[in-house]
Each structure stands twice: as structure tokens, then as C-alpha cells.
Amino acid sequence: MAGHPFPNQYLQITKAQLKLMSRDSFGTNEVSSVALALEHCADALKDWDLTQVKDDDALHRIDTIKRVMDTTNVKDDTGKGLFYHRARVMTLEERDDFSNAVFLLLIWLDKVF
């Protein structure tokens, strides 16, 4: 990744994609995998200077990820973390949007390298 313009983002979005690919669609593993993917995306976004992203499609993917990651109305009474509970209450449409945005953002990050 030496020389990549967004090395941390590339690494974290790659990790998120791997978690999404490894999820078990019918078990509790899916919630945990999506929660970990949300955490990786949060790590990717926390220090990313988005003024450096000049591609509108990439910015749209980032906005989608941010929207799905929103934990404003999520409560954690169990200590499992806000992203766990966010993943638990996601609709199928939100999971699809999130998965597609992560996948397409990773493709874009791969191309800018």
C-alpha cells in the first residue's frame, strides 16, 4: 500500500468487505460480521479528508456508508456496542445498500492506487 493516496481507508474498507463476505446470512454471525464491517468503516472515515476525494460516485458511496452507520437512535443496554445493535436492527435494504457501497468504494480505492 506504499504510495496509495488513502492507505488507511483502503485497508479498513478491505477489512469491511471481507467481514461482509464472510457473514452467515441466517445466523447471529451476520449481525456480528456487519457490526465489525461498520467498525472498520468508522475507522476508515474518522480521519479521512474528503476534500481529497474528487470522484462524485465515491463520495456518494461514502455518504451511503455514513447514513447506514448512523447510531443516533440506537441504544446499547447490553455492552455489545452501538454498531452491534445498529446491525441488529438494519433492514434488508439498508444491509444491501451498505454492502454495495462498501464493495463499490473498495473498487474505487483499488483504481486510485
Foldseek 3Di string as FASTA:
>chain_A
DVPQPQVLLLVLLVQLLVLCVPADPPDLSNLVSNLSSLVSLCRSPVPDPCVPPPDPLLVVLNVLSVVLSDQPPADDPPPPDSSSRSSVPDDPVSSVSNNVSSVVNSVVSVVSD
